[in-house]
Protein backbone atom coordinates (compact mmCIF):
# COMPACT_ATOMS: atom_id res chain seq x y z
CA MET A 1 0.00 0.00 0.00
CA PRO A 2 1.29 3.49 -0.74
CA ARG A 3 2.10 6.02 1.95
CA LEU A 4 -0.93 8.25 1.45
CA THR A 5 -0.40 11.98 1.49
CA ASN A 6 -2.67 14.98 1.21
CA GLN A 7 -0.31 16.62 -1.28
CA THR A 8 -0.94 17.12 -4.99
CA ALA A 9 1.77 17.37 -7.64
CA PHE A 10 1.63 18.55 -11.25
CA ILE A 11 4.14 17.12 -13.76
CA THR A 12 4.77 18.23 -17.33
CA GLY A 13 5.98 15.74 -19.94
CA ALA A 14 4.55 12.95 -17.81
CA THR A 15 4.22 10.06 -20.27
CA LYS A 16 7.89 9.46 -21.14
CA GLY A 17 11.35 9.37 -19.63
CA MET A 18 11.97 11.29 -16.43
CA GLY A 19 8.41 12.62 -16.25
CA LEU A 20 6.98 9.10 -16.37
CA ALA A 21 9.42 7.84 -13.74
CA ILE A 22 8.55 10.76 -11.46
CA ALA A 23 4.81 10.18 -11.89
CA GLU A 24 5.18 6.49 -11.06
CA ARG A 25 7.34 7.16 -8.00
CA LEU A 26 5.09 9.89 -6.60
CA ALA A 27 2.03 7.68 -7.09
CA GLN A 28 3.77 4.89 -5.18
CA SER A 29 4.23 7.33 -2.31
CA GLY A 30 0.58 8.34 -2.36
CA TYR A 31 0.71 11.77 -3.98
CA GLN A 32 -2.36 12.89 -5.89
CA LEU A 33 -1.35 13.76 -9.45
CA LEU A 34 -2.06 16.20 -12.24
CA LEU A 35 -0.30 15.24 -15.46
CA SER A 36 0.23 16.74 -18.89
CA SER A 37 1.83 15.76 -22.19
CA ARG A 38 0.86 16.06 -25.85
CA ASP A 39 -0.57 12.52 -26.03
CA SER A 40 -4.10 12.26 -24.61
CA GLN A 41 -4.28 8.50 -25.21
CA ALA A 42 -1.01 7.86 -23.38
CA LEU A 43 -2.18 10.07 -20.50
CA GLY A 44 -5.43 8.13 -20.20
CA ALA A 45 -3.59 4.80 -20.15
CA LEU A 46 -1.16 6.14 -17.54
CA LYS A 47 -4.02 7.38 -15.35
CA ASN A 48 -5.64 3.95 -15.40
CA ARG A 49 -2.37 2.16 -14.64
CA LEU A 50 -1.35 4.44 -11.78
CA GLU A 51 -4.77 4.43 -10.11
CA THR A 52 -5.02 0.64 -10.39
CA ALA A 53 -1.55 0.06 -8.96
CA ASN A 54 -1.89 2.67 -6.20
CA PRO A 55 -5.30 2.53 -4.46
CA GLY A 56 -6.26 5.88 -2.97
CA VAL A 57 -4.34 7.86 -5.59
CA SER A 58 -6.30 10.00 -8.07
CA VAL A 59 -4.85 11.14 -11.37
CA HIS A 60 -6.16 14.01 -13.50
CA TYR A 61 -4.68 14.91 -16.86
CA ARG A 62 -4.84 17.35 -19.72
CA ALA A 63 -3.21 16.99 -23.12
CA CYS A 64 -1.26 20.09 -24.11
CA ASP A 65 1.33 21.09 -26.68
CA VAL A 66 3.20 23.61 -24.54
CA SER A 67 4.84 25.16 -27.61
CA ASP A 68 1.39 26.57 -28.42
CA GLY A 69 0.79 29.66 -26.29
CA THR A 70 -2.99 29.30 -26.37
CA GLN A 71 -2.83 25.68 -25.22
CA LEU A 72 -0.34 26.56 -22.49
CA ALA A 73 -2.58 29.34 -21.19
CA ALA A 74 -5.50 26.90 -21.10
CA LEU A 75 -3.34 24.38 -19.23
CA ILE A 76 -2.47 26.98 -16.59
CA GLU A 77 -6.14 27.84 -16.16
CA TRP A 78 -6.97 24.13 -15.82
CA ILE A 79 -4.31 23.65 -13.12
CA THR A 80 -5.51 26.58 -11.04
CA HIS A 81 -9.11 25.35 -11.33
CA THR A 82 -8.42 21.64 -10.71
CA ALA A 83 -5.86 22.11 -7.91
CA PRO A 84 -6.24 25.66 -6.53
CA ASN A 85 -3.87 24.77 -3.67
CA LEU A 86 -1.27 22.84 -5.65
CA ASP A 87 1.61 21.66 -3.44
CA ILE A 88 4.26 20.59 -5.95
CA LEU A 89 5.12 21.80 -9.45
CA ILE A 90 7.57 19.72 -11.49
CA ASN A 91 8.71 21.49 -14.65
CA ASN A 92 10.04 18.53 -16.58
CA VAL A 93 9.04 18.91 -20.23
CA GLY A 94 11.87 19.75 -22.61
CA ILE A 95 13.18 19.39 -26.15
CA PHE A 96 16.75 18.79 -27.32
CA ARG A 97 18.01 19.91 -30.71
CA PRO A 98 21.67 18.97 -31.41
CA VAL A 99 22.51 22.01 -33.49
CA SER A 100 24.84 24.96 -32.95
CA ILE A 101 23.54 28.51 -32.63
CA LEU A 102 25.17 29.57 -35.90
CA ASP A 103 23.62 26.70 -37.84
CA GLU A 104 20.18 26.45 -36.25
CA SER A 105 16.92 27.30 -38.01
CA GLU A 106 14.34 29.74 -36.69
CA GLU A 107 12.16 26.72 -35.87
CA ASP A 108 14.97 25.12 -33.83
CA PHE A 109 15.36 28.34 -31.87
CA ASP A 110 11.67 29.09 -31.32
CA MET A 111 10.68 25.56 -30.26
CA GLN A 112 13.46 25.23 -27.72
CA MET A 113 12.81 28.67 -26.24
CA ARG A 114 9.05 28.04 -26.01
CA ILE A 115 9.26 24.55 -24.52
CA ASN A 116 12.44 24.70 -22.45
CA TYR A 117 12.14 28.21 -21.05
CA HIS A 118 8.80 29.94 -21.63
CA THR A 119 6.87 26.94 -20.30
CA PRO A 120 8.59 26.62 -16.89
CA HIS A 121 8.65 30.41 -16.54
CA LEU A 122 4.91 30.83 -17.12
CA LEU A 123 3.94 27.79 -15.06
CA SER A 124 6.20 28.84 -12.18
CA ARG A 125 4.80 32.37 -12.26
CA ALA A 126 1.18 31.21 -12.10
CA VAL A 127 1.70 28.46 -9.54
CA GLY A 128 4.23 30.51 -7.56
CA ARG A 129 1.63 33.24 -6.99
CA VAL A 130 -0.70 30.65 -5.45
CA MET A 131 2.07 29.14 -3.34
CA ARG A 132 3.08 32.61 -2.15
CA LYS A 133 -0.49 33.27 -1.02
CA ASN A 134 -0.71 29.87 0.69
CA ARG A 135 2.81 30.19 2.14
CA ASN A 136 3.44 26.60 1.13
CA GLY A 137 4.71 24.62 -1.82
CA HIS A 138 7.70 23.23 -3.70
CA ILE A 139 8.78 23.98 -7.26
CA PHE A 140 11.18 21.62 -9.06
CA ASN A 141 12.86 22.66 -12.29
CA ILE A 142 14.42 19.80 -14.25
CA SER A 143 17.45 21.42 -15.83
CA SER A 144 20.52 19.80 -17.43
CA ILE A 145 24.23 19.49 -16.88
CA ALA A 146 24.43 21.70 -20.00
CA SER A 147 23.51 24.58 -17.67
CA ARG A 148 26.90 24.12 -16.00
CA GLU A 149 28.97 22.56 -18.79
CA PRO A 150 28.00 24.30 -22.08
CA VAL A 151 27.47 22.14 -25.16
CA SER A 152 28.21 24.24 -28.24
CA ALA A 153 26.83 21.49 -30.50
CA ALA A 154 23.48 22.07 -28.80
CA GLY A 155 23.71 25.83 -28.49
CA THR A 156 20.19 27.08 -27.83
CA TYR A 157 19.43 24.03 -25.69
CA THR A 158 22.37 25.05 -23.50
CA VAL A 159 21.18 28.66 -23.37
CA THR A 160 17.66 27.61 -22.32
CA LYS A 161 19.06 25.49 -19.51
CA TYR A 162 21.17 28.41 -18.29
CA ALA A 163 17.93 30.41 -18.30
CA VAL A 164 16.21 27.71 -16.22
CA MET A 165 19.09 27.92 -13.74
CA GLY A 166 18.56 31.68 -13.49
CA LEU A 167 14.81 31.24 -13.15
CA THR A 168 15.34 28.80 -10.30
CA HIS A 169 17.66 31.15 -8.43
CA VAL A 170 15.29 34.11 -8.79
CA LEU A 171 12.21 32.10 -7.78
CA ARG A 172 13.99 30.76 -4.72
CA ASP A 173 14.96 34.26 -3.65
CA GLU A 174 11.44 35.63 -4.25
CA LEU A 175 9.62 32.80 -2.49
CA LYS A 176 11.85 31.85 0.44
CA SER A 177 10.29 34.38 2.82
CA TYR A 178 6.90 32.78 2.10
CA GLY A 179 8.03 29.27 3.03
CA VAL A 180 8.02 28.00 -0.57
CA LYS A 181 10.87 25.71 -1.59
CA VAL A 182 12.54 25.80 -5.02
CA THR A 183 14.94 23.11 -6.27
CA GLU A 184 16.87 22.61 -9.49
CA ILE A 185 17.50 19.00 -10.56
CA ILE A 186 20.52 18.83 -12.87
CA PRO A 187 20.82 15.51 -14.74
CA GLY A 188 23.73 14.44 -16.86
CA SER A 189 23.32 11.87 -19.67
CA THR A 190 20.03 10.11 -18.92
CA LEU A 191 18.68 7.02 -20.70
CA THR A 192 15.46 8.41 -22.16
CA SER A 193 13.77 8.04 -25.56
CA SER A 194 16.23 10.53 -27.07
CA TRP A 195 18.82 7.74 -26.84
CA GLU A 196 16.55 5.15 -28.45
CA GLY A 197 18.55 2.65 -30.53
CA THR A 198 21.86 3.40 -28.83
CA THR A 199 24.33 0.56 -28.37
CA ILE A 200 25.90 2.25 -25.34
CA PRO A 201 25.41 0.06 -22.21
CA ALA A 202 22.71 1.22 -19.80
CA ASP A 203 25.19 1.46 -16.92
CA LYS A 204 26.88 4.36 -18.73
CA PHE A 205 23.75 6.45 -18.16
CA ILE A 206 21.66 7.86 -15.36
CA LEU A 207 18.25 6.19 -15.34
CA PRO A 208 15.01 8.19 -15.20
CA ALA A 209 14.23 6.44 -11.92
CA ASP A 210 17.32 8.06 -10.40
CA ILE A 211 15.84 11.51 -11.02
CA ALA A 212 12.54 10.39 -9.49
CA GLU A 213 14.40 9.22 -6.37
CA ALA A 214 16.20 12.58 -6.16
CA ILE A 215 12.83 14.33 -6.02
CA ILE A 216 11.50 11.92 -3.39
CA ALA A 217 14.64 12.58 -1.31
CA CYS A 218 13.98 16.34 -1.44
CA LEU A 219 10.34 15.87 -0.47
CA SER A 220 11.35 13.62 2.44
CA LEU A 221 13.44 16.25 4.23
CA SER A 222 12.28 18.27 7.22
CA GLU A 223 10.04 21.29 6.73
CA GLY A 224 12.92 23.66 7.43
CA ALA A 225 15.29 22.18 4.83
CA ASN A 226 15.51 23.24 1.18
CA VAL A 227 17.72 21.51 -1.38
CA ASP A 228 18.92 24.26 -3.70
CA GLU A 229 20.14 21.86 -6.38
CA ILE A 230 21.01 18.24 -7.04
CA ARG A 231 23.54 17.42 -9.74
CA VAL A 232 23.42 13.77 -10.95
CA LYS A 233 26.03 12.55 -13.43
CA PRO A 234 26.91 9.09 -14.79
CA LYS A 235 29.65 7.48 -12.74
CA TYR A 236 31.85 7.17 -15.85
CA GLY A 237 31.18 10.76 -16.90
CA ASN A 238 28.80 12.31 -19.42
CA ILE A 239 28.41 10.76 -22.85
């Protein structure tokens, strides 16, 4: 049986990779869940699986392409209506384009900026206002080791992750006097669908479940403790 909790968490990009692992792990611990991704069918299947495996857990979902500003605005409205006292925001959704700044297309640039930076910024602003009023909550931003070790072959991706680092620092400073925690999770090379078909052994990677456990560890600390950041890298180094 899960350890039931009164807390509710919202996760973006919840049907694949790190988002999926986080959703599964939080459900196992009894958190009530709000989930989003682009795939409504996958969200529905995930809801059924999580609720069946974790009695007492309820899962709500909304399909959303966060690169579309109208859909993102509707998602934010849905969150504030469905969970007006949301406890945990996990900004996980992201896109990786392996192209340098000088060689990228306008589409490469726009998509990465919209998904990797605009989305966590706008979600954090909306949810952070509620958490500030409630004087309670925890925001997690899933960043990347590229925010500390620039990857010129993925130029705008690196820039967006530096922006997420800055967003995290500013949010933490703005919200700390209201008792709201803000944490940046900084993964290195992680075995997600972006590595599909690779022949590199799995033990050369971080697993999505490792990131889920990092979040559980943060949520398990005392009320007075905030983890500013967790950096997780493969034991043999990044790929």
